[in-house]
Amino acid sequence: MNPSNRLLLKFTISRYTSLRIRKNPHLGLKSVNTHPGARQCSERDIDDLPKKYTSLTPLWFLKRAALVHPNRRSVVHGSVQYTWQQTYRRCCRLASALSNYSVGFGSTVAVIAPNTPAMYEAHFGVPMSGAVLNAVNIRLNASTIGFLLEHSSSAVIMVDQEFFKLAEETLKILEDKIKTNFKPPLLVVIQDESVECNPNNLQYALAKGAVEYEKFLESGDPEFVWKSPQDEWHSIALGYTSGTTSSPKGVVLHHRGAYLAATSNVVVWGIPEGAVYLWTLPMFHCNGWCFAWTLAAICGTNICLRQVLLFFTFERFRLQVGSI
């Protein structure tokens, strides 16, 4: 077996064995002394013994990837490339920076962005701070986004530079609706130097008072000590329907569900360790069906795309895979 998967498999087997024992007490250990002259001891079931329990969370996958393959490429976006160690430290910075703004358990952070490194990092950095990630569908209009931002009580909005004006329009709608009780969220604008982006949009956002994403990360601690959730049923992400028949409906994903879905992807799709994954599926769609966490579990490489254009997509994939 590949050594990089040994820790994950050992943990999974131990939990599976524990579950089998609890389901069938007759499989539990019993204290029996067969020596003829020994004092007879009463039988003890596994449930009578001290228990060790750790909540399941996909955040472990990132820490493990940084330890097992620190120098393997984790994220590729055009000329921008990061290793797993760098991604882990960037996510720690993001969690720390959010914590500095009193964002933590009970808070929601919205991200309005396509498949970029910042969107990927948000899937770890936001829950590492204790907050819930709300990955927003960039195809929705301002009024619909306004509804879900209000419903989720998002304290921070991380927005790609190309969608800043959409976020601005959304906040104007909320301000007109809520009026005196409106408390504007912290706006963090994500710079992208891809050819598809207009640099004037970044300058516009900065002039409006938004904090640039890389500057925001610099305010965080790369050695930030994050904590796993006390309860694996705590929320890790919040998604919404498109609202085609009525107002969007919120769907909550918990840490346990994200962990199990991420590991199930490996089995169901037969993904090998260290696979290279081209992001054509938007991460705002059910958190990329949990593949954002799956790629960390297998220590693979994420190739990000702002948009899917057939020739451009496969040509970039060919060039970037060749450089890995």
Foldseek 3Di string as FASTA:
>chain_A
DPPLCVVVVVVVVVVVVVVVCVVPQVVFDWDADPPPPDDGDDTDTPVVDDDDDDAFFLLVLLVSLCVPWVPCWAEDEPPDTHGSVRLLLLLQLLLQLCVVVVQAAPAEEEEQAWFDSVLLSCLNSNVLNHYAYQYDDNPAALCLVLVVCVVRVHQEYEYELVCVVRVVSNLVVVCVVVPPPDDDHQYEYEYDPDPVDDVVSVVVCVVVPHHYSVVSSVVGGSPRDGDDDPHQQRFHYKAWDNQPPHRIDIDTDGRNNLSVQLVVCCVVVVDAQQAEDEPADTCNPVNSSSVSSNCSNSSYYYYTDRHDDPVVRVVVVVVVVVVD
